[in-house]
């Protein structure tokens, strides 16, 4: 199956800077080569290709810079996909990487939405927050601070079907690419979810599959767990059972009551949801059955780990610069390549005439 993310004509500030291709191949060992050759045949010179294996299938992510001038458009993407020549069971998705528009659904708690908005404004989260949808007024002032339209739907006075119909009409009119449930304490109907398959991300304040549903911190306290967690996952018709994108954990003890767990868990929820949204808008995730292949951005992952360490009072330890060195080459060849790493007094130096 071939899918092209058409999107809209790039607007000011939303110009495509990077083309991306995500693919899942069945029984095709030359898949990465086929993608590379197809792109180069159509004028791409610099290509980054990542490859992962899952359930005997090959998942591939390719990225390339979009030329300021050139024929990189939907027609061009179709020619590239034809050159890849995927099979009937293969899945190939391609886009030119324009900034995705995001709708945030939230109820009362603002820690997740605040982080998403701040990072979007700062440019570290490459998406556009198009609107906020809520069933309470608590987060309106925050949305107005960032200049984001806020739409509140009173669920107490209207049927759920009527409200969801208006919500769907709203997000579709705003050409939303992704819906993020940032502690939105309502269950979306299967009919709603079917309209945005693989494009709704929820944050659950527990380490799924444990403690699905309501009041996970209280249930974790009663069970005496030693770790709490947060899980960001795609939304499906089954509650809290969608493919997991990202998770974080934190050690707790019997000294923590339910309020302490909620307070500590808020940081986990914030970091986990933001990370999942970033992976999605950067086309670094590929759902496969009930699982998700994640193409890691190593630099971003290191920053996330350091952020988590600092948040919990532990500064990241420095890594010695030479830890990567091995002696797979003859030592003499290493000395030629890296003379500064081998001073004359190095005890590893082999005597003249001998070898390692």
C-alpha atoms as a PDB file:
ATOM      1  CA  UNK A   1       0.000   0.000   0.000  1.00  0.00           C
ATOM      2  CA  UNK A   2       1.411   3.360  -1.010  1.00  0.00           C
ATOM      3  CA  UNK A   3       0.403   6.527   0.794  1.00  0.00           C
ATOM      4  CA  UNK A   4       1.444  10.086   0.046  1.00  0.00           C
ATOM      5  CA  UNK A   5       0.906  12.715   2.718  1.00  0.00           C
ATOM      6  CA  UNK A   6      -0.374  15.530   0.598  1.00  0.00           C
ATOM      7  CA  UNK A   7      -0.857  18.154   3.307  1.00  0.00           C
ATOM      8  CA  UNK A   8      -1.464  21.724   2.223  1.00  0.00           C
ATOM      9  CA  UNK A   9       0.471  24.161   0.135  1.00  0.00           C
ATOM     10  CA  UNK A  10       3.390  25.245   2.323  1.00  0.00           C
ATOM     11  CA  UNK A  11       2.643  28.498   4.111  1.00  0.00           C
ATOM     12  CA  UNK A  12       5.053  31.011   5.564  1.00  0.00           C
ATOM     13  CA  UNK A  13       7.066  29.216   8.222  1.00  0.00           C
ATOM     14  CA  UNK A  14       5.749  25.799   7.122  1.00  0.00           C
ATOM     15  CA  UNK A  15       7.975  25.244   4.099  1.00  0.00           C
ATOM     16  CA  UNK A  16       9.196  21.691   3.720  1.00  0.00           C
ATOM     17  CA  UNK A  17      12.856  21.355   4.711  1.00  0.00           C
ATOM     18  CA  UNK A  18      13.121  17.591   4.727  1.00  0.00           C
ATOM     19  CA  UNK A  19      11.521  14.845   2.708  1.00  0.00           C
ATOM     20  CA  UNK A  20      10.756  11.610   4.544  1.00  0.00           C
ATOM     21  CA  UNK A  21       9.825   8.078   3.604  1.00  0.00           C
ATOM     22  CA  UNK A  22       8.646   5.367   5.999  1.00  0.00           C
ATOM     23  CA  UNK A  23       8.332   1.820   4.721  1.00  0.00           C
ATOM     24  CA  UNK A  24       7.588  -1.680   5.959  1.00  0.00           C
ATOM     25  CA  UNK A  25       8.719  -4.507   3.696  1.00  0.00           C
ATOM     26  CA  UNK A  26       7.924  -8.214   3.849  1.00  0.00           C
ATOM     27  CA  UNK A  27      10.672 -10.616   2.750  1.00  0.00           C
ATOM     28  CA  UNK A  28      12.706  -8.110   0.754  1.00  0.00           C
ATOM     29  CA  UNK A  29      16.351  -8.072   1.844  1.00  0.00           C
ATOM     30  CA  UNK A  30      17.323  -5.385  -0.689  1.00  0.00           C
ATOM     31  CA  UNK A  31      14.697  -2.908   0.578  1.00  0.00           C
ATOM     32  CA  UNK A  32      17.150  -0.298   1.900  1.00  0.00           C
ATOM     33  CA  UNK A  33      19.101  -0.408  -1.355  1.00  0.00           C
ATOM     34  CA  UNK A  34      15.894  -0.083  -3.383  1.00  0.00           C
ATOM     35  CA  UNK A  35      14.881   3.048  -1.443  1.00  0.00           C
ATOM     36  CA  UNK A  36      18.353   4.562  -1.800  1.00  0.00           C
ATOM     37  CA  UNK A  37      18.514   3.882  -5.536  1.00  0.00           C
ATOM     38  CA  UNK A  38      14.981   5.218  -6.138  1.00  0.00           C
ATOM     39  CA  UNK A  39      15.772   8.519  -4.434  1.00  0.00           C
ATOM     40  CA  UNK A  40      19.123   8.955  -6.173  1.00  0.00           C
ATOM     41  CA  UNK A  41      17.543   8.276  -9.559  1.00  0.00           C
ATOM     42  CA  UNK A  42      15.281  11.244  -8.901  1.00  0.00           C
ATOM     43  CA  UNK A  43      17.985  13.725  -8.028  1.00  0.00           C
ATOM     44  CA  UNK A  44      18.482  13.249  -4.273  1.00  0.00           C
ATOM     45  CA  UNK A  45      22.165  13.339  -3.370  1.00  0.00           C
ATOM     46  CA  UNK A  46      22.211  13.317   0.447  1.00  0.00           C
ATOM     47  CA  UNK A  47      20.161  10.538   2.042  1.00  0.00           C
ATOM     48  CA  UNK A  48      19.938   9.288   5.625  1.00  0.00           C
ATOM     49  CA  UNK A  49      18.572   5.744   5.869  1.00  0.00           C
ATOM     50  CA  UNK A  50      17.745   3.890   9.085  1.00  0.00           C
ATOM     51  CA  UNK A  51      16.699   0.245   9.184  1.00  0.00           C
ATOM     52  CA  UNK A  52      15.044  -1.888  11.865  1.00  0.00           C
ATOM     53  CA  UNK A  53      13.704  -5.456  11.934  1.00  0.00           C
ATOM     54  CA  UNK A  54      10.408  -6.464  13.557  1.00  0.00           C
ATOM     55  CA  UNK A  55       8.399  -9.684  13.200  1.00  0.00           C
ATOM     56  CA  UNK A  56      10.554 -10.775  10.228  1.00  0.00           C
ATOM     57  CA  UNK A  57       9.728  -7.513   8.462  1.00  0.00           C
ATOM     58  CA  UNK A  58      12.091  -4.716   7.541  1.00  0.00           C
ATOM     59  CA  UNK A  59      11.191  -1.172   8.615  1.00  0.00           C
ATOM     60  CA  UNK A  60      12.981   1.692   6.883  1.00  0.00           C
ATOM     61  CA  UNK A  61      13.114   5.440   7.397  1.00  0.00           C
ATOM     62  CA  UNK A  62      14.735   7.620   4.763  1.00  0.00           C
ATOM     63  CA  UNK A  63      15.229  11.380   5.040  1.00  0.00           C
ATOM     64  CA  UNK A  64      16.696  13.880   2.619  1.00  0.00           C
ATOM     65  CA  UNK A  65      16.914  17.679   2.357  1.00  0.00           C
ATOM     66  CA  UNK A  66      14.304  19.303   0.151  1.00  0.00           C
ATOM     67  CA  UNK A  67      15.881  21.517  -2.479  1.00  0.00           C
ATOM     68  CA  UNK A  68      14.972  25.192  -2.358  1.00  0.00           C
ATOM     69  CA  UNK A  69      14.329  24.980  -6.074  1.00  0.00           C
ATOM     70  CA  UNK A  70      13.347  21.809  -7.853  1.00  0.00           C
ATOM     71  CA  UNK A  71      10.506  19.456  -8.769  1.00  0.00           C
ATOM     72  CA  UNK A  72       9.957  17.912  -5.335  1.00  0.00           C
ATOM     73  CA  UNK A  73       6.164  17.786  -5.176  1.00  0.00           C
ATOM     74  CA  UNK A  74       3.418  15.161  -5.059  1.00  0.00           C
ATOM     75  CA  UNK A  75       4.054  14.068  -8.632  1.00  0.00           C
ATOM     76  CA  UNK A  76       7.744  13.678  -7.872  1.00  0.00           C
ATOM     77  CA  UNK A  77       6.938  11.609  -4.762  1.00  0.00           C
ATOM     78  CA  UNK A  78       4.716   9.280  -6.819  1.00  0.00           C
ATOM     79  CA  UNK A  79       7.562   8.645  -9.253  1.00  0.00           C
ATOM     80  CA  UNK A  80       9.853   7.823  -6.343  1.00  0.00           C
ATOM     81  CA  UNK A  81       7.331   5.342  -4.926  1.00  0.00           C
ATOM     82  CA  UNK A  82       6.944   3.681  -8.306  1.00  0.00           C
ATOM     83  CA  UNK A  83      10.711   3.259  -8.479  1.00  0.00           C
ATOM     84  CA  UNK A  84      10.761   1.621  -5.042  1.00  0.00           C
ATOM     85  CA  UNK A  85       8.263  -0.910  -6.462  1.00  0.00           C
ATOM     86  CA  UNK A  86       6.710  -2.144  -3.197  1.00  0.00           C
ATOM     87  CA  UNK A  87       4.863  -5.436  -3.048  1.00  0.00           C
ATOM     88  CA  UNK A  88       1.175  -5.903  -2.281  1.00  0.00           C
ATOM     89  CA  UNK A  89       1.801  -6.417   1.456  1.00  0.00           C
ATOM     90  CA  UNK A  90       4.403  -3.681   1.751  1.00  0.00           C
ATOM     91  CA  UNK A  91       3.541  -0.257   3.180  1.00  0.00           C
ATOM     92  CA  UNK A  92       5.286   2.888   1.964  1.00  0.00           C
ATOM     93  CA  UNK A  93       4.474   6.405   3.178  1.00  0.00           C
ATOM     94  CA  UNK A  94       6.172   9.542   1.937  1.00  0.00           C
ATOM     95  CA  UNK A  95       5.899  13.250   2.655  1.00  0.00           C
ATOM     96  CA  UNK A  96       7.823  16.443   2.115  1.00  0.00           C
ATOM     97  CA  UNK A  97       7.917  17.181   5.821  1.00  0.00           C
ATOM     98  CA  UNK A  98       5.810  20.335   6.117  1.00  0.00           C
ATOM     99  CA  UNK A  99       5.031  21.300   9.706  1.00  0.00           C
ATOM    100  CA  UNK A 100       2.107  19.312  11.070  1.00  0.00           C
ATOM    101  CA  UNK A 101      -0.898  21.036  12.625  1.00  0.00           C
ATOM    102  CA  UNK A 102      -1.825  19.706  16.050  1.00  0.00           C
ATOM    103  CA  UNK A 103      -5.052  19.898  18.058  1.00  0.00           C
ATOM    104  CA  UNK A 104      -4.636  19.452  21.816  1.00  0.00           C
ATOM    105  CA  UNK A 105      -7.526  17.999  23.823  1.00  0.00           C
ATOM    106  CA  UNK A 106      -7.260  18.730  27.562  1.00  0.00           C
ATOM    107  CA  UNK A 107      -9.481  18.737  30.659  1.00  0.00           C
ATOM    108  CA  UNK A 108      -8.178  20.490  33.792  1.00  0.00           C
ATOM    109  CA  UNK A 109      -4.506  19.681  34.383  1.00  0.00           C
ATOM    110  CA  UNK A 110      -2.153  21.889  32.387  1.00  0.00           C
ATOM    111  CA  UNK A 111       1.346  20.414  32.839  1.00  0.00           C
ATOM    112  CA  UNK A 112       1.365  18.484  29.559  1.00  0.00           C
ATOM    113  CA  UNK A 113      -0.251  21.143  27.385  1.00  0.00           C
ATOM    114  CA  UNK A 114       2.034  23.842  28.828  1.00  0.00           C
ATOM    115  CA  UNK A 115       5.129  21.875  27.844  1.00  0.00           C
ATOM    116  CA  UNK A 116       3.832  21.213  24.331  1.00  0.00           C
ATOM    117  CA  UNK A 117       2.978  24.861  23.744  1.00  0.00           C
ATOM    118  CA  UNK A 118       6.256  26.198  25.070  1.00  0.00           C
ATOM    119  CA  UNK A 119       8.352  23.792  23.025  1.00  0.00           C
ATOM    120  CA  UNK A 120       6.319  24.473  19.894  1.00  0.00           C
ATOM    121  CA  UNK A 121       6.803  28.222  20.296  1.00  0.00           C
ATOM    122  CA  UNK A 122      10.526  27.779  21.004  1.00  0.00           C
ATOM    123  CA  UNK A 123      10.920  25.670  17.865  1.00  0.00           C
ATOM    124  CA  UNK A 124      12.231  22.576  19.642  1.00  0.00           C
ATOM    125  CA  UNK A 125       8.981  20.726  18.904  1.00  0.00           C
ATOM    126  CA  UNK A 126       8.470  21.039  15.134  1.00  0.00           C
ATOM    127  CA  UNK A 127       4.701  21.385  14.961  1.00  0.00           C
ATOM    128  CA  UNK A 128       2.032  24.085  14.930  1.00  0.00           C
ATOM    129  CA  UNK A 129      -0.513  24.083  17.755  1.00  0.00           C
ATOM    130  CA  UNK A 130      -3.619  24.930  15.758  1.00  0.00           C
ATOM    131  CA  UNK A 131      -6.265  24.837  18.513  1.00  0.00           C
ATOM    132  CA  UNK A 132      -7.167  23.549  21.965  1.00  0.00           C
ATOM    133  CA  UNK A 133     -10.335  21.579  22.695  1.00  0.00           C
ATOM    134  CA  UNK A 134     -11.555  21.110  26.260  1.00  0.00           C
ATOM    135  CA  UNK A 135     -14.531  20.220  28.414  1.00  0.00           C
ATOM    136  CA  UNK A 136     -13.522  22.773  31.076  1.00  0.00           C
ATOM    137  CA  UNK A 137     -12.387  26.392  31.166  1.00  0.00           C
ATOM    138  CA  UNK A 138      -9.291  25.792  33.336  1.00  0.00           C
ATOM    139  CA  UNK A 139      -6.699  25.993  30.534  1.00  0.00           C
ATOM    140  CA  UNK A 140      -8.211  28.867  28.556  1.00  0.00           C
ATOM    141  CA  UNK A 141      -5.852  31.507  29.969  1.00  0.00           C
ATOM    142  CA  UNK A 142      -2.847  29.350  29.057  1.00  0.00           C
ATOM    143  CA  UNK A 143      -4.040  28.949  25.471  1.00  0.00           C
ATOM    144  CA  UNK A 144      -4.712  32.686  25.194  1.00  0.00           C
ATOM    145  CA  UNK A 145      -1.200  33.395  26.496  1.00  0.00           C
ATOM    146  CA  UNK A 146       0.173  31.552  23.460  1.00  0.00           C
ATOM    147  CA  UNK A 147      -2.433  32.963  21.093  1.00  0.00           C
ATOM    148  CA  UNK A 148      -4.039  29.567  20.420  1.00  0.00           C
ATOM    149  CA  UNK A 149      -7.838  29.367  19.841  1.00  0.00           C
ATOM    150  CA  UNK A 150      -9.621  27.650  22.735  1.00  0.00           C
ATOM    151  CA  UNK A 151     -12.884  25.764  22.249  1.00  0.00           C
ATOM    152  CA  UNK A 152     -14.826  24.531  25.273  1.00  0.00           C
ATOM    153  CA  UNK A 153     -17.625  21.964  24.919  1.00  0.00           C
ATOM    154  CA  UNK A 154     -20.021  21.474  27.819  1.00  0.00           C
ATOM    155  CA  UNK A 155     -20.531  17.737  28.070  1.00  0.00           C
ATOM    156  CA  UNK A 156     -23.055  18.087  30.914  1.00  0.00           C
ATOM    157  CA  UNK A 157     -25.655  19.767  28.727  1.00  0.00           C
ATOM    158  CA  UNK A 158     -25.254  17.873  25.464  1.00  0.00           C
ATOM    159  CA  UNK A 159     -24.983  14.293  24.310  1.00  0.00           C
ATOM    160  CA  UNK A 160     -21.545  12.846  23.685  1.00  0.00           C
ATOM    161  CA  UNK A 161     -22.454  12.084  20.062  1.00  0.00           C
ATOM    162  CA  UNK A 162     -23.429  15.698  19.420  1.00  0.00           C
ATOM    163  CA  UNK A 163     -20.294  17.073  21.037  1.00  0.00           C
ATOM    164  CA  UNK A 164     -17.981  14.706  19.147  1.00  0.00           C
ATOM    165  CA  UNK A 165     -19.670  15.590  15.863  1.00  0.00           C
ATOM    166  CA  UNK A 166     -18.903  19.280  16.488  1.00  0.00           C
ATOM    167  CA  UNK A 167     -15.356  18.477  17.614  1.00  0.00           C
ATOM    168  CA  UNK A 168     -14.680  16.456  14.470  1.00  0.00           C
ATOM    169  CA  UNK A 169     -16.084  19.216  12.269  1.00  0.00           C
ATOM    170  CA  UNK A 170     -13.845  21.709  14.054  1.00  0.00           C
ATOM    171  CA  UNK A 171     -10.577  19.800  13.725  1.00  0.00           C
ATOM    172  CA  UNK A 172     -11.309  18.911  10.116  1.00  0.00           C
ATOM    173  CA  UNK A 173     -12.073  22.542   9.267  1.00  0.00           C
ATOM    174  CA  UNK A 174      -8.690  23.468  10.735  1.00  0.00           C
ATOM    175  CA  UNK A 175      -6.948  20.772   8.662  1.00  0.00           C
ATOM    176  CA  UNK A 176      -5.461  19.139  11.743  1.00  0.00           C
ATOM    177  CA  UNK A 177      -2.881  16.413  11.151  1.00  0.00           C
ATOM    178  CA  UNK A 178      -2.557  15.075  14.712  1.00  0.00           C
ATOM    179  CA  UNK A 179      -4.766  15.044  17.817  1.00  0.00           C
ATOM    180  CA  UNK A 180      -3.005  14.935  21.193  1.00  0.00           C
ATOM    181  CA  UNK A 181      -4.924  13.965  24.333  1.00  0.00           C
ATOM    182  CA  UNK A 182      -2.960  15.880  26.985  1.00  0.00           C
ATOM    183  CA  UNK A 183      -4.774  14.551  30.056  1.00  0.00           C
ATOM    184  CA  UNK A 184      -8.174  14.743  28.358  1.00  0.00           C
ATOM    185  CA  UNK A 185     -10.299  12.777  30.800  1.00  0.00           C
ATOM    186  CA  UNK A 186     -12.909  11.625  28.321  1.00  0.00           C
ATOM    187  CA  UNK A 187     -13.070   8.404  26.325  1.00  0.00           C
ATOM    188  CA  UNK A 188     -13.348   8.970  22.585  1.00  0.00           C
ATOM    189  CA  UNK A 189     -15.943   6.892  20.776  1.00  0.00           C
ATOM    190  CA  UNK A 190     -14.841   4.265  18.226  1.00  0.00           C
ATOM    191  CA  UNK A 191     -16.493   6.380  15.512  1.00  0.00           C
ATOM    192  CA  UNK A 192     -14.265   9.343  16.431  1.00  0.00           C
ATOM    193  CA  UNK A 193     -11.109   7.221  16.545  1.00  0.00           C
ATOM    194  CA  UNK A 194     -11.845   5.698  13.141  1.00  0.00           C
ATOM    195  CA  UNK A 195     -11.695   9.162  11.574  1.00  0.00           C
ATOM    196  CA  UNK A 196      -8.071   9.626  12.703  1.00  0.00           C
ATOM    197  CA  UNK A 197      -6.451   6.171  12.701  1.00  0.00           C
ATOM    198  CA  UNK A 198      -2.843   6.337  13.866  1.00  0.00           C
ATOM    199  CA  UNK A 199      -3.167  10.089  14.370  1.00  0.00           C
ATOM    200  CA  UNK A 200      -4.400  10.357  17.968  1.00  0.00           C
ATOM    201  CA  UNK A 201      -1.852  10.147  20.790  1.00  0.00           C
ATOM    202  CA  UNK A 202      -2.865   9.760  24.436  1.00  0.00           C
ATOM    203  CA  UNK A 203      -0.846  10.055  27.643  1.00  0.00           C
ATOM    204  CA  UNK A 204      -1.796   7.535  30.307  1.00  0.00           C
ATOM    205  CA  UNK A 205      -0.497   8.096  33.823  1.00  0.00           C
ATOM    206  CA  UNK A 206       0.651   4.526  34.399  1.00  0.00           C
ATOM    207  CA  UNK A 207       3.079   2.040  32.939  1.00  0.00           C
ATOM    208  CA  UNK A 208       0.767   0.186  30.579  1.00  0.00           C
ATOM    209  CA  UNK A 209      -0.409  -2.499  30.356  1.00  0.00           C
ATOM    210  CA  UNK A 210      -0.581  -2.199  34.160  1.00  0.00           C
ATOM    211  CA  UNK A 211      -3.321  -0.027  35.701  1.00  0.00           C
ATOM    212  CA  UNK A 212      -5.283   0.796  32.573  1.00  0.00           C
ATOM    213  CA  UNK A 213      -8.345   2.972  33.062  1.00  0.00           C
ATOM    214  CA  UNK A 214      -9.161   5.426  35.851  1.00  0.00           C
ATOM    215  CA  UNK A 215      -7.273   6.230  39.089  1.00  0.00           C
ATOM    216  CA  UNK A 216      -3.993   4.461  38.278  1.00  0.00           C
ATOM    217  CA  UNK A 217      -1.997   6.260  41.012  1.00  0.00           C
ATOM    218  CA  UNK A 218      -4.423   5.190  43.729  1.00  0.00           C
ATOM    219  CA  UNK A 219      -4.415   1.621  42.460  1.00  0.00           C
ATOM    220  CA  UNK A 220      -0.605   1.658  42.241  1.00  0.00           C
ATOM    221  CA  UNK A 221      -0.467   2.837  45.865  1.00  0.00           C
ATOM    222  CA  UNK A 222      -2.807   0.079  46.997  1.00  0.00           C
ATOM    223  CA  UNK A 223      -0.732  -2.500  45.126  1.00  0.00           C
ATOM    224  CA  UNK A 224       2.493  -1.263  46.707  1.00  0.00           C
ATOM    225  CA  UNK A 225       4.433  -0.806  43.475  1.00  0.00           C
ATOM    226  CA  UNK A 226       8.054   0.355  43.574  1.00  0.00           C
ATOM    227  CA  UNK A 227       7.931   2.051  40.181  1.00  0.00           C
ATOM    228  CA  UNK A 228       5.377   4.367  38.629  1.00  0.00           C
ATOM    229  CA  UNK A 229       5.322   5.285  34.986  1.00  0.00           C
ATOM    230  CA  UNK A 230       3.714   7.132  32.114  1.00  0.00           C
ATOM    231  CA  UNK A 231       2.798   5.749  28.701  1.00  0.00           C
ATOM    232  CA  UNK A 232       2.173   7.585  25.435  1.00  0.00           C
ATOM    233  CA  UNK A 233       0.292   5.458  22.937  1.00  0.00           C
ATOM    234  CA  UNK A 234      -1.835   5.637  19.833  1.00  0.00           C
ATOM    235  CA  UNK A 235      -5.551   5.601  20.557  1.00  0.00           C
ATOM    236  CA  UNK A 236      -7.640   2.663  19.370  1.00  0.00           C
ATOM    237  CA  UNK A 237     -11.213   1.604  20.015  1.00  0.00           C
ATOM    238  CA  UNK A 238     -10.032  -0.421  23.039  1.00  0.00           C
ATOM    239  CA  UNK A 239      -9.312   1.717  26.112  1.00  0.00           C
ATOM    240  CA  UNK A 240      -5.579   2.219  26.836  1.00  0.00           C
ATOM    241  CA  UNK A 241      -4.628  -0.667  24.546  1.00  0.00           C
ATOM    242  CA  UNK A 242      -3.179   1.124  21.515  1.00  0.00           C
ATOM    243  CA  UNK A 243       0.398   0.658  20.255  1.00  0.00           C
ATOM    244  CA  UNK A 244       2.893   2.125  22.735  1.00  0.00           C
ATOM    245  CA  UNK A 245       5.162   4.900  21.457  1.00  0.00           C
ATOM    246  CA  UNK A 246       7.085   5.964  24.570  1.00  0.00           C
ATOM    247  CA  UNK A 247       7.301   5.182  28.294  1.00  0.00           C
ATOM    248  CA  UNK A 248       9.122   6.576  31.319  1.00  0.00           C
ATOM    249  CA  UNK A 249       9.484   5.197  34.860  1.00  0.00           C
ATOM    250  CA  UNK A 250      10.416   6.500  38.312  1.00  0.00           C
ATOM    251  CA  UNK A 251      11.199   4.645  41.534  1.00  0.00           C
ATOM    252  CA  UNK A 252       8.857   5.310  44.471  1.00  0.00           C
ATOM    253  CA  UNK A 253       8.477   3.834  47.951  1.00  0.00           C
ATOM    254  CA  UNK A 254       5.977   3.134  50.725  1.00  0.00           C
ATOM    255  CA  UNK A 255       6.607   6.670  51.997  1.00  0.00           C
ATOM    256  CA  UNK A 256       4.748   8.137  49.005  1.00  0.00           C
ATOM    257  CA  UNK A 257       1.003   8.665  49.263  1.00  0.00           C
ATOM    258  CA  UNK A 258      -1.309   9.033  46.265  1.00  0.00           C
ATOM    259  CA  UNK A 259      -0.763  12.788  46.046  1.00  0.00           C
ATOM    260  CA  UNK A 260       3.021  12.300  46.039  1.00  0.00           C
ATOM    261  CA  UNK A 261       2.663   9.785  43.225  1.00  0.00           C
ATOM    262  CA  UNK A 262       0.548  12.238  41.217  1.00  0.00           C
ATOM    263  CA  UNK A 263       3.068  15.021  41.791  1.00  0.00           C
ATOM    264  CA  UNK A 264       6.042  12.897  40.792  1.00  0.00           C
ATOM    265  CA  UNK A 265       4.146  11.354  37.907  1.00  0.00           C
ATOM    266  CA  UNK A 266       3.356  14.743  36.371  1.00  0.00           C
ATOM    267  CA  UNK A 267       6.960  15.149  35.204  1.00  0.00           C
ATOM    268  CA  UNK A 268       6.903  11.677  33.683  1.00  0.00           C
ATOM    269  CA  UNK A 269       3.661  12.436  31.851  1.00  0.00           C
ATOM    270  CA  UNK A 270       5.006  15.713  30.486  1.00  0.00           C
ATOM    271  CA  UNK A 271       8.285  14.267  29.211  1.00  0.00           C
ATOM    272  CA  UNK A 272       6.717  11.100  27.816  1.00  0.00           C
ATOM    273  CA  UNK A 273       3.961  12.864  25.874  1.00  0.00           C
ATOM    274  CA  UNK A 274       6.260  15.520  24.435  1.00  0.00           C
ATOM    275  CA  UNK A 275       8.729  12.873  23.341  1.00  0.00           C
ATOM    276  CA  UNK A 276       5.984  10.823  21.664  1.00  0.00           C
ATOM    277  CA  UNK A 277       4.597  13.846  19.819  1.00  0.00           C
ATOM    278  CA  UNK A 278       8.083  14.765  18.644  1.00  0.00           C
ATOM    279  CA  UNK A 279       8.700  11.258  17.327  1.00  0.00           C
ATOM    280  CA  UNK A 280       5.386  11.351  15.454  1.00  0.00           C
ATOM    281  CA  UNK A 281       5.760  14.782  13.835  1.00  0.00           C
ATOM    282  CA  UNK A 282       9.324  13.918  12.796  1.00  0.00           C
ATOM    283  CA  UNK A 283       8.062  10.693  11.153  1.00  0.00           C
ATOM    284  CA  UNK A 284      10.169   8.527  13.441  1.00  0.00           C
ATOM    285  CA  UNK A 285       7.457   6.021  14.373  1.00  0.00           C
ATOM    286  CA  UNK A 286       5.905   3.243  12.320  1.00  0.00           C
ATOM    287  CA  UNK A 287       3.044   1.194  13.844  1.00  0.00           C
ATOM    288  CA  UNK A 288       3.334  -2.526  13.118  1.00  0.00           C
ATOM    289  CA  UNK A 289       0.359  -4.579  14.305  1.00  0.00           C
ATOM    290  CA  UNK A 290       0.185  -3.895  18.070  1.00  0.00           C
ATOM    291  CA  UNK A 291       3.697  -2.486  18.330  1.00  0.00           C
ATOM    292  CA  UNK A 292       5.580   0.602  17.169  1.00  0.00           C
ATOM    293  CA  UNK A 293       8.976   0.759  15.502  1.00  0.00           C
ATOM    294  CA  UNK A 294      10.843   3.825  16.771  1.00  0.00           C
ATOM    295  CA  UNK A 295      13.662   5.251  14.668  1.00  0.00           C
ATOM    296  CA  UNK A 296      15.763   6.892  17.347  1.00  0.00           C
ATOM    297  CA  UNK A 297      17.254  10.352  17.018  1.00  0.00           C
ATOM    298  CA  UNK A 298      20.345   9.604  19.108  1.00  0.00           C
ATOM    299  CA  UNK A 299      21.162  13.232  19.893  1.00  0.00           C
ATOM    300  CA  UNK A 300      17.603  13.987  21.028  1.00  0.00           C
ATOM    301  CA  UNK A 301      17.537  10.787  23.078  1.00  0.00           C
ATOM    302  CA  UNK A 302      20.700  11.795  24.924  1.00  0.00           C
ATOM    303  CA  UNK A 303      19.159  15.201  25.690  1.00  0.00           C
ATOM    304  CA  UNK A 304      15.990  13.524  27.012  1.00  0.00           C
ATOM    305  CA  UNK A 305      18.030  11.228  29.258  1.00  0.00           C
ATOM    306  CA  UNK A 306      20.021  14.171  30.602  1.00  0.00           C
ATOM    307  CA  UNK A 307      16.821  16.149  31.199  1.00  0.00           C
ATOM    308  CA  UNK A 308      15.376  13.247  33.158  1.00  0.00           C
ATOM    309  CA  UNK A 309      18.555  12.914  35.233  1.00  0.00           C
ATOM    310  CA  UNK A 310      18.630  16.622  36.050  1.00  0.00           C
ATOM    311  CA  UNK A 311      14.909  16.614  36.916  1.00  0.00           C
ATOM    312  CA  UNK A 312      15.569  13.897  39.484  1.00  0.00           C
ATOM    313  CA  UNK A 313      18.667  15.568  40.946  1.00  0.00           C
ATOM    314  CA  UNK A 314      21.303  13.435  39.266  1.00  0.00           C
ATOM    315  CA  UNK A 315      23.756  15.137  36.944  1.00  0.00           C
ATOM    316  CA  UNK A 316      24.790  13.028  33.938  1.00  0.00           C
ATOM    317  CA  UNK A 317      28.222  11.531  34.314  1.00  0.00           C
ATOM    318  CA  UNK A 318      30.885  12.509  31.819  1.00  0.00           C
ATOM    319  CA  UNK A 319      32.049   9.771  29.488  1.00  0.00           C
ATOM    320  CA  UNK A 320      35.761   9.423  28.810  1.00  0.00           C
ATOM    321  CA  UNK A 321      36.452  10.444  25.249  1.00  0.00           C
ATOM    322  CA  UNK A 322      38.551   7.381  24.447  1.00  0.00           C
ATOM    323  CA  UNK A 323      36.165   4.676  25.642  1.00  0.00           C
ATOM    324  CA  UNK A 324      35.213   3.801  22.106  1.00  0.00           C
ATOM    325  CA  UNK A 325      38.734   2.796  21.094  1.00  0.00           C
ATOM    326  CA  UNK A 326      39.396  -0.881  20.485  1.00  0.00           C
ATOM    327  CA  UNK A 327      42.464  -2.754  19.254  1.00  0.00           C
ATOM    328  CA  UNK A 328      40.859  -4.416  16.278  1.00  0.00           C
ATOM    329  CA  UNK A 329      43.470  -2.867  14.046  1.00  0.00           C
ATOM    330  CA  UNK A 330      47.172  -3.416  14.571  1.00  0.00           C
ATOM    331  CA  UNK A 331      48.285  -0.814  17.068  1.00  0.00           C
ATOM    332  CA  UNK A 332      50.648   0.706  14.523  1.00  0.00           C
ATOM    333  CA  UNK A 333      47.698   1.516  12.256  1.00  0.00           C
ATOM    334  CA  UNK A 334      45.801   3.119  15.129  1.00  0.00           C
ATOM    335  CA  UNK A 335      48.840   5.277  15.909  1.00  0.00           C
ATOM    336  CA  UNK A 336      48.935   6.517  12.320  1.00  0.00           C
ATOM    337  CA  UNK A 337      45.234   7.393  12.370  1.00  0.00           C
ATOM    338  CA  UNK A 338      45.088   8.836  15.907  1.00  0.00           C
ATOM    339  CA  UNK A 339      48.595   9.885  16.950  1.00  0.00           C
ATOM    340  CA  UNK A 340      47.336  12.136  19.778  1.00  0.00           C
ATOM    341  CA  UNK A 341      45.623   9.190  21.446  1.00  0.00           C
ATOM    342  CA  UNK A 342      48.882   7.282  21.821  1.00  0.00           C
ATOM    343  CA  UNK A 343      51.588   9.291  23.595  1.00  0.00           C
ATOM    344  CA  UNK A 344      55.115   7.873  23.569  1.00  0.00           C
ATOM    345  CA  UNK A 345      54.754   6.732  27.175  1.00  0.00           C
ATOM    346  CA  UNK A 346      51.594   4.682  26.513  1.00  0.00           C
ATOM    347  CA  UNK A 347      52.051   1.279  28.193  1.00  0.00           C
ATOM    348  CA  UNK A 348      49.969  -0.327  25.436  1.00  0.00           C
ATOM    349  CA  UNK A 349      52.650   0.444  22.903  1.00  0.00           C
ATOM    350  CA  UNK A 350      54.008  -2.777  21.507  1.00  0.00           C
ATOM    351  CA  UNK A 351      57.784  -3.226  21.509  1.00  0.00           C
ATOM    352  CA  UNK A 352      59.491  -2.715  18.162  1.00  0.00           C
ATOM    353  CA  UNK A 353      59.271  -5.828  16.060  1.00  0.00           C
ATOM    354  CA  UNK A 354      56.325  -7.313  17.948  1.00  0.00           C
ATOM    355  CA  UNK A 355      52.609  -7.185  17.284  1.00  0.00           C
ATOM    356  CA  UNK A 356      49.438  -7.349  19.327  1.00  0.00           C
END
